[in-house]
Structures are given as C-alpha cells and as structure tokens.
C-alpha cells in the first residue's frame, strides 16, 4: 500500500439532500517529504443507504 506510513488529517462532512461530501487529508512520512495530500469523497444515498461513492485526490507536480 502506497499510503502505509501516512498520518490522517481531519476534514469536514457536509450533507445536501441525498448527497454528502467528506473532505480528508493525510501527511506522508518524512521520507516522502512530509507532503500533505488532500482529497474528498462524494456519497449518494437512497433509502438511508450509500448507493454511490466516488473519491478524488488532489495531485501535485
């Protein structure tokens, strides 16, 4: 796993109707430069259950 030595950073969760957005981040190990990687997950709900989840990670050069 490429994120094994990382530390999670807290994010936020926002709900709008049947959708939710959760932001997140993690800081890579010092050997990887300690870079903060950010991303978000998008959730769609139907009848109280998750029917779709998409994840996005911000890329940097």
N, C-alpha and C. Protein backbone atom coordinates (compact mmCIF):
# COMPACT_ATOMS: atom_id res chain seq x y z
N UNK A 1 0.85 -1.18 0.00
CA UNK A 1 0.00 0.00 0.00
C UNK A 1 0.90 1.24 0.00
N UNK A 2 0.63 2.20 -0.87
CA UNK A 2 1.49 3.37 -1.01
C UNK A 2 1.27 4.42 0.08
N UNK A 3 0.20 4.33 0.88
CA UNK A 3 -0.09 5.32 1.92
C UNK A 3 0.16 4.77 3.32
N UNK A 4 0.87 3.69 3.42
CA UNK A 4 1.03 2.96 4.68
C UNK A 4 1.60 3.82 5.81
N UNK A 5 2.61 4.63 5.56
CA UNK A 5 3.29 5.40 6.60
C UNK A 5 2.75 6.82 6.72
N UNK A 6 1.49 7.02 6.41
CA UNK A 6 0.92 8.37 6.44
C UNK A 6 0.13 8.59 7.73
N UNK A 7 -0.12 9.87 8.03
CA UNK A 7 -0.90 10.26 9.20
C UNK A 7 -2.13 11.02 8.71
N UNK A 8 -3.32 10.60 9.15
CA UNK A 8 -4.58 11.23 8.71
C UNK A 8 -4.73 12.63 9.28
N UNK A 9 -5.35 13.49 8.49
CA UNK A 9 -5.70 14.84 8.92
C UNK A 9 -7.22 14.94 8.90
N UNK A 10 -7.85 15.50 9.95
CA UNK A 10 -9.31 15.58 9.98
C UNK A 10 -9.85 16.49 8.88
N UNK A 11 -11.07 16.21 8.47
CA UNK A 11 -11.74 17.01 7.45
C UNK A 11 -13.14 17.37 7.90
N UNK A 12 -14.02 17.63 6.95
CA UNK A 12 -15.41 18.01 7.23
C UNK A 12 -16.35 17.11 6.46
N UNK A 13 -17.59 17.03 6.94
CA UNK A 13 -18.65 16.32 6.22
C UNK A 13 -19.81 17.30 6.05
N UNK A 14 -20.32 17.41 4.82
CA UNK A 14 -21.46 18.28 4.52
C UNK A 14 -22.52 17.47 3.80
N UNK A 15 -23.78 17.65 4.22
CA UNK A 15 -24.91 16.95 3.60
C UNK A 15 -25.79 17.93 2.85
N UNK A 16 -26.24 17.53 1.66
CA UNK A 16 -27.20 18.30 0.86
C UNK A 16 -28.16 17.30 0.24
N UNK A 17 -29.36 17.24 0.76
CA UNK A 17 -30.34 16.29 0.25
C UNK A 17 -29.84 14.86 0.38
N UNK A 18 -29.76 14.15 -0.75
CA UNK A 18 -29.31 12.76 -0.76
C UNK A 18 -27.82 12.63 -1.04
N UNK A 19 -27.07 13.72 -0.88
CA UNK A 19 -25.64 13.72 -1.16
C UNK A 19 -24.86 14.15 0.06
N UNK A 20 -23.63 13.66 0.17
CA UNK A 20 -22.71 14.10 1.23
C UNK A 20 -21.33 14.24 0.62
N UNK A 21 -20.57 15.20 1.13
CA UNK A 21 -19.19 15.42 0.72
C UNK A 21 -18.34 15.34 1.97
N UNK A 22 -17.29 14.52 1.94
CA UNK A 22 -16.38 14.42 3.07
C UNK A 22 -14.98 14.79 2.59
N UNK A 23 -14.39 15.80 3.20
CA UNK A 23 -13.02 16.18 2.86
C UNK A 23 -12.07 15.41 3.77
N UNK A 24 -10.87 15.18 3.30
CA UNK A 24 -9.88 14.46 4.09
C UNK A 24 -8.48 14.83 3.62
N UNK A 25 -7.53 14.43 4.40
CA UNK A 25 -6.14 14.63 4.04
C UNK A 25 -5.27 13.67 4.81
N UNK A 26 -4.06 13.51 4.33
CA UNK A 26 -3.07 12.76 5.10
C UNK A 26 -1.70 13.32 4.79
N UNK A 27 -0.84 13.23 5.78
CA UNK A 27 0.52 13.71 5.64
C UNK A 27 1.42 12.50 5.45
N UNK A 28 2.17 12.52 4.36
CA UNK A 28 3.07 11.40 4.06
C UNK A 28 4.25 11.39 5.04
N UNK A 29 4.87 10.26 5.13
CA UNK A 29 6.02 10.08 6.03
C UNK A 29 7.13 11.06 5.67
N UNK A 30 7.96 11.35 6.65
CA UNK A 30 9.05 12.32 6.45
C UNK A 30 9.94 11.91 5.28
N UNK A 31 10.14 10.61 5.07
CA UNK A 31 10.95 10.13 3.95
C UNK A 31 10.36 10.50 2.61
N UNK A 32 9.04 10.74 2.58
CA UNK A 32 8.36 11.14 1.35
C UNK A 32 8.18 12.65 1.30
N UNK A 33 8.91 13.37 2.15
CA UNK A 33 8.86 14.82 2.15
C UNK A 33 7.81 15.41 3.07
N UNK A 34 7.06 14.58 3.79
CA UNK A 34 6.05 15.08 4.71
C UNK A 34 4.93 15.85 4.02
N UNK A 35 4.73 15.61 2.75
CA UNK A 35 3.75 16.34 1.93
C UNK A 35 2.32 16.06 2.39
N UNK A 36 1.49 17.10 2.46
CA UNK A 36 0.07 16.96 2.76
C UNK A 36 -0.67 16.65 1.47
N UNK A 37 -1.42 15.56 1.47
CA UNK A 37 -2.24 15.16 0.33
C UNK A 37 -3.69 15.36 0.73
N UNK A 38 -4.46 16.06 -0.11
CA UNK A 38 -5.85 16.35 0.21
C UNK A 38 -6.76 15.67 -0.79
N UNK A 39 -8.00 15.41 -0.36
CA UNK A 39 -8.97 14.80 -1.24
C UNK A 39 -10.37 14.90 -0.69
N UNK A 40 -11.32 14.30 -1.40
CA UNK A 40 -12.70 14.29 -0.93
C UNK A 40 -13.40 13.04 -1.44
N UNK A 41 -14.43 12.67 -0.71
CA UNK A 41 -15.30 11.57 -1.10
C UNK A 41 -16.70 12.14 -1.31
N UNK A 42 -17.36 11.70 -2.36
CA UNK A 42 -18.75 12.10 -2.64
C UNK A 42 -19.63 10.87 -2.46
N UNK A 43 -20.69 11.02 -1.68
CA UNK A 43 -21.60 9.92 -1.40
C UNK A 43 -23.00 10.27 -1.90
N UNK A 44 -23.69 9.29 -2.47
CA UNK A 44 -25.10 9.43 -2.82
C UNK A 44 -25.87 8.40 -2.00
N UNK A 45 -27.00 8.84 -1.40
CA UNK A 45 -27.80 7.96 -0.56
C UNK A 45 -29.17 7.72 -1.18
N UNK A 46 -29.72 6.55 -0.92
CA UNK A 46 -31.09 6.23 -1.29
C UNK A 46 -31.65 5.33 -0.19
N UNK A 47 -32.77 5.74 0.39
CA UNK A 47 -33.40 4.98 1.48
C UNK A 47 -32.44 4.74 2.64
N UNK A 48 -31.60 5.73 2.92
CA UNK A 48 -30.68 5.64 4.05
C UNK A 48 -29.43 4.81 3.81
N UNK A 49 -29.24 4.33 2.59
CA UNK A 49 -28.07 3.52 2.25
C UNK A 49 -27.20 4.23 1.22
N UNK A 50 -25.90 4.00 1.28
CA UNK A 50 -24.99 4.54 0.28
C UNK A 50 -25.16 3.74 -1.01
N UNK A 51 -25.49 4.43 -2.10
CA UNK A 51 -25.64 3.76 -3.39
C UNK A 51 -24.50 4.10 -4.35
N UNK A 52 -23.71 5.11 -3.99
CA UNK A 52 -22.59 5.51 -4.84
C UNK A 52 -21.56 6.23 -4.00
N UNK A 53 -20.29 5.96 -4.26
CA UNK A 53 -19.19 6.68 -3.61
C UNK A 53 -18.10 6.90 -4.63
N UNK A 54 -17.67 8.15 -4.78
CA UNK A 54 -16.55 8.50 -5.64
C UNK A 54 -15.51 9.20 -4.78
N UNK A 55 -14.24 8.91 -5.03
CA UNK A 55 -13.15 9.52 -4.27
C UNK A 55 -12.23 10.27 -5.22
N UNK A 56 -11.74 11.40 -4.76
CA UNK A 56 -10.84 12.24 -5.56
C UNK A 56 -9.68 12.67 -4.70
N UNK A 57 -8.49 12.62 -5.26
CA UNK A 57 -7.28 13.04 -4.57
C UNK A 57 -6.61 14.14 -5.37
N UNK A 58 -6.22 15.20 -4.69
CA UNK A 58 -5.54 16.31 -5.37
C UNK A 58 -4.12 15.86 -5.73
N UNK A 59 -3.75 16.09 -6.96
CA UNK A 59 -2.40 15.73 -7.39
C UNK A 59 -1.54 16.98 -7.45
N UNK A 60 -0.28 16.80 -7.18
CA UNK A 60 0.68 17.90 -7.26
C UNK A 60 1.86 17.45 -8.09
N UNK A 61 2.50 18.41 -8.75
CA UNK A 61 3.64 18.02 -9.61
C UNK A 61 4.83 17.52 -8.81
